[in-house]
């Protein structure tokens, strides 16, 4: 099994149902507090944890595409076709995106500037 190189990857990934793609292409990828997805595949417990930390005003991305969250979403929604949206990490860095090394449901949560995370 290979070791993942989280720090030197080229992209950040967001998973969504393909049914959400038309509105994303029309309006952009918007946070949950601005637009509800056409097909919602998110876990309610995670959404509650994200809202608690004010993360519902941000779009979640992951460091790699086949992470446990993505696997769980696909397993819980076998009837859905999913797409991954990849954004260059250089874009995230130059636009000072925020990053968290820990999951919002973890008791220890801190939001950092992209370059520090």
C-alpha atoms as a PDB file:
ATOM      1  CA  UNK A   1       0.000   0.000   0.000  1.00  0.00           C
ATOM      2  CA  UNK A   2       1.427   3.382  -0.972  1.00  0.00           C
ATOM      3  CA  UNK A   3       1.655   6.327   1.379  1.00  0.00           C
ATOM      4  CA  UNK A   4      -0.346   9.391   0.351  1.00  0.00           C
ATOM      5  CA  UNK A   5       1.509  12.650  -0.115  1.00  0.00           C
ATOM      6  CA  UNK A   6      -1.127  15.086   1.164  1.00  0.00           C
ATOM      7  CA  UNK A   7       1.105  18.158   1.064  1.00  0.00           C
ATOM      8  CA  UNK A   8       2.284  17.887  -2.547  1.00  0.00           C
ATOM      9  CA  UNK A   9      -0.907  16.983  -4.394  1.00  0.00           C
ATOM     10  CA  UNK A  10      -1.983  19.236  -7.261  1.00  0.00           C
ATOM     11  CA  UNK A  11      -5.744  19.380  -6.656  1.00  0.00           C
ATOM     12  CA  UNK A  12      -8.382  19.687  -3.952  1.00  0.00           C
ATOM     13  CA  UNK A  13     -11.577  17.684  -4.501  1.00  0.00           C
ATOM     14  CA  UNK A  14     -15.305  18.181  -3.979  1.00  0.00           C
ATOM     15  CA  UNK A  15     -17.777  15.334  -4.585  1.00  0.00           C
ATOM     16  CA  UNK A  16     -21.387  15.907  -5.621  1.00  0.00           C
ATOM     17  CA  UNK A  17     -24.233  14.173  -7.412  1.00  0.00           C
ATOM     18  CA  UNK A  18     -24.104  14.651 -11.169  1.00  0.00           C
ATOM     19  CA  UNK A  19     -27.661  16.019 -10.869  1.00  0.00           C
ATOM     20  CA  UNK A  20     -26.180  19.072  -9.100  1.00  0.00           C
ATOM     21  CA  UNK A  21     -23.823  19.824 -11.989  1.00  0.00           C
ATOM     22  CA  UNK A  22     -26.199  21.996 -14.115  1.00  0.00           C
ATOM     23  CA  UNK A  23     -26.771  24.466 -11.261  1.00  0.00           C
ATOM     24  CA  UNK A  24     -23.054  24.450 -10.399  1.00  0.00           C
ATOM     25  CA  UNK A  25     -22.153  25.251 -14.001  1.00  0.00           C
ATOM     26  CA  UNK A  26     -24.806  27.997 -14.111  1.00  0.00           C
ATOM     27  CA  UNK A  27     -24.307  29.604 -10.675  1.00  0.00           C
ATOM     28  CA  UNK A  28     -20.923  28.343  -9.518  1.00  0.00           C
ATOM     29  CA  UNK A  29     -20.105  26.083  -6.611  1.00  0.00           C
ATOM     30  CA  UNK A  30     -21.934  27.777  -3.746  1.00  0.00           C
ATOM     31  CA  UNK A  31     -21.870  27.027  -0.020  1.00  0.00           C
ATOM     32  CA  UNK A  32     -24.854  25.348   1.562  1.00  0.00           C
ATOM     33  CA  UNK A  33     -26.043  28.523   3.302  1.00  0.00           C
ATOM     34  CA  UNK A  34     -26.445  30.187  -0.131  1.00  0.00           C
ATOM     35  CA  UNK A  35     -27.998  27.351  -2.124  1.00  0.00           C
ATOM     36  CA  UNK A  36     -29.303  23.912  -1.252  1.00  0.00           C
ATOM     37  CA  UNK A  37     -28.166  21.161  -3.616  1.00  0.00           C
ATOM     38  CA  UNK A  38     -30.693  19.617  -6.015  1.00  0.00           C
ATOM     39  CA  UNK A  39     -29.660  16.197  -4.705  1.00  0.00           C
ATOM     40  CA  UNK A  40     -28.364  16.291  -1.134  1.00  0.00           C
ATOM     41  CA  UNK A  41     -26.030  13.429  -0.252  1.00  0.00           C
ATOM     42  CA  UNK A  42     -24.443  15.009   2.820  1.00  0.00           C
ATOM     43  CA  UNK A  43     -24.530  13.413   6.262  1.00  0.00           C
ATOM     44  CA  UNK A  44     -26.798  15.395   8.628  1.00  0.00           C
ATOM     45  CA  UNK A  45     -24.456  14.935  11.600  1.00  0.00           C
ATOM     46  CA  UNK A  46     -21.561  16.348   9.586  1.00  0.00           C
ATOM     47  CA  UNK A  47     -23.728  19.262   8.402  1.00  0.00           C
ATOM     48  CA  UNK A  48     -24.647  20.077  12.000  1.00  0.00           C
ATOM     49  CA  UNK A  49     -20.968  19.994  13.014  1.00  0.00           C
ATOM     50  CA  UNK A  50     -19.999  22.195  10.074  1.00  0.00           C
ATOM     51  CA  UNK A  51     -22.729  24.737  10.907  1.00  0.00           C
ATOM     52  CA  UNK A  52     -21.591  24.824  14.541  1.00  0.00           C
ATOM     53  CA  UNK A  53     -18.189  26.074  13.345  1.00  0.00           C
ATOM     54  CA  UNK A  54     -19.579  28.438  10.680  1.00  0.00           C
ATOM     55  CA  UNK A  55     -18.434  26.143   7.879  1.00  0.00           C
ATOM     56  CA  UNK A  56     -21.816  26.142   6.150  1.00  0.00           C
ATOM     57  CA  UNK A  57     -20.654  29.366   4.491  1.00  0.00           C
ATOM     58  CA  UNK A  58     -17.790  27.470   2.812  1.00  0.00           C
ATOM     59  CA  UNK A  59     -17.655  24.696   0.211  1.00  0.00           C
ATOM     60  CA  UNK A  60     -15.873  21.598   1.561  1.00  0.00           C
ATOM     61  CA  UNK A  61     -12.921  20.166  -0.362  1.00  0.00           C
ATOM     62  CA  UNK A  62     -10.698  17.200   0.431  1.00  0.00           C
ATOM     63  CA  UNK A  63      -7.003  16.555  -0.179  1.00  0.00           C
ATOM     64  CA  UNK A  64      -7.679  13.374  -2.143  1.00  0.00           C
ATOM     65  CA  UNK A  65     -10.662  11.980  -4.028  1.00  0.00           C
ATOM     66  CA  UNK A  66     -11.018   8.526  -2.521  1.00  0.00           C
ATOM     67  CA  UNK A  67     -11.244   9.539   1.130  1.00  0.00           C
ATOM     68  CA  UNK A  68     -13.517   7.817   3.684  1.00  0.00           C
ATOM     69  CA  UNK A  69     -16.214  10.510   3.389  1.00  0.00           C
ATOM     70  CA  UNK A  70     -16.466  10.111  -0.391  1.00  0.00           C
ATOM     71  CA  UNK A  71     -16.582   6.336  -0.039  1.00  0.00           C
ATOM     72  CA  UNK A  72     -19.360   6.548   2.557  1.00  0.00           C
ATOM     73  CA  UNK A  73     -21.415   8.954   0.418  1.00  0.00           C
ATOM     74  CA  UNK A  74     -21.157   6.653  -2.594  1.00  0.00           C
ATOM     75  CA  UNK A  75     -22.020   3.584  -0.518  1.00  0.00           C
ATOM     76  CA  UNK A  76     -25.014   5.315   1.110  1.00  0.00           C
ATOM     77  CA  UNK A  77     -26.330   6.509  -2.279  1.00  0.00           C
ATOM     78  CA  UNK A  78     -25.699   3.639  -4.724  1.00  0.00           C
ATOM     79  CA  UNK A  79     -28.352   4.937  -7.143  1.00  0.00           C
ATOM     80  CA  UNK A  80     -26.493   8.237  -7.657  1.00  0.00           C
ATOM     81  CA  UNK A  81     -23.825   9.028 -10.213  1.00  0.00           C
ATOM     82  CA  UNK A  82     -21.138  11.218  -8.693  1.00  0.00           C
ATOM     83  CA  UNK A  83     -18.674  13.713 -10.095  1.00  0.00           C
ATOM     84  CA  UNK A  84     -15.530  15.123  -8.556  1.00  0.00           C
ATOM     85  CA  UNK A  85     -14.714  18.782  -9.000  1.00  0.00           C
ATOM     86  CA  UNK A  86     -10.979  19.414  -8.802  1.00  0.00           C
ATOM     87  CA  UNK A  87      -9.504  22.825  -8.011  1.00  0.00           C
ATOM     88  CA  UNK A  88      -5.765  23.521  -8.276  1.00  0.00           C
ATOM     89  CA  UNK A  89      -4.162  23.908  -4.868  1.00  0.00           C
ATOM     90  CA  UNK A  90      -2.320  26.944  -6.208  1.00  0.00           C
ATOM     91  CA  UNK A  91      -5.732  28.641  -6.587  1.00  0.00           C
ATOM     92  CA  UNK A  92      -6.637  27.812  -2.985  1.00  0.00           C
ATOM     93  CA  UNK A  93      -3.305  29.152  -1.775  1.00  0.00           C
ATOM     94  CA  UNK A  94      -3.359  32.374  -3.806  1.00  0.00           C
ATOM     95  CA  UNK A  95      -6.951  33.090  -2.696  1.00  0.00           C
ATOM     96  CA  UNK A  96      -6.178  32.358   0.968  1.00  0.00           C
ATOM     97  CA  UNK A  97      -8.702  29.571   1.358  1.00  0.00           C
ATOM     98  CA  UNK A  98      -9.121  28.191   4.852  1.00  0.00           C
ATOM     99  CA  UNK A  99      -8.077  24.716   5.859  1.00  0.00           C
ATOM    100  CA  UNK A 100      -8.672  22.380   8.755  1.00  0.00           C
ATOM    101  CA  UNK A 101      -6.412  19.452   9.442  1.00  0.00           C
ATOM    102  CA  UNK A 102      -9.137  17.906  11.605  1.00  0.00           C
ATOM    103  CA  UNK A 103     -12.737  16.985  10.967  1.00  0.00           C
ATOM    104  CA  UNK A 104     -15.344  19.418  12.378  1.00  0.00           C
ATOM    105  CA  UNK A 105     -16.881  16.587  14.426  1.00  0.00           C
ATOM    106  CA  UNK A 106     -13.535  16.067  16.162  1.00  0.00           C
ATOM    107  CA  UNK A 107     -13.454  17.893  19.499  1.00  0.00           C
ATOM    108  CA  UNK A 108     -10.308  19.808  18.521  1.00  0.00           C
ATOM    109  CA  UNK A 109     -11.093  21.985  15.533  1.00  0.00           C
ATOM    110  CA  UNK A 110      -9.110  24.918  14.173  1.00  0.00           C
ATOM    111  CA  UNK A 111      -9.494  26.814  10.914  1.00  0.00           C
ATOM    112  CA  UNK A 112      -6.176  27.972   9.440  1.00  0.00           C
ATOM    113  CA  UNK A 113      -5.070  30.036   6.466  1.00  0.00           C
ATOM    114  CA  UNK A 114      -4.290  27.706   3.555  1.00  0.00           C
ATOM    115  CA  UNK A 115      -0.533  28.350   3.644  1.00  0.00           C
ATOM    116  CA  UNK A 116      -0.352  27.480   7.361  1.00  0.00           C
ATOM    117  CA  UNK A 117      -2.564  24.406   7.134  1.00  0.00           C
END
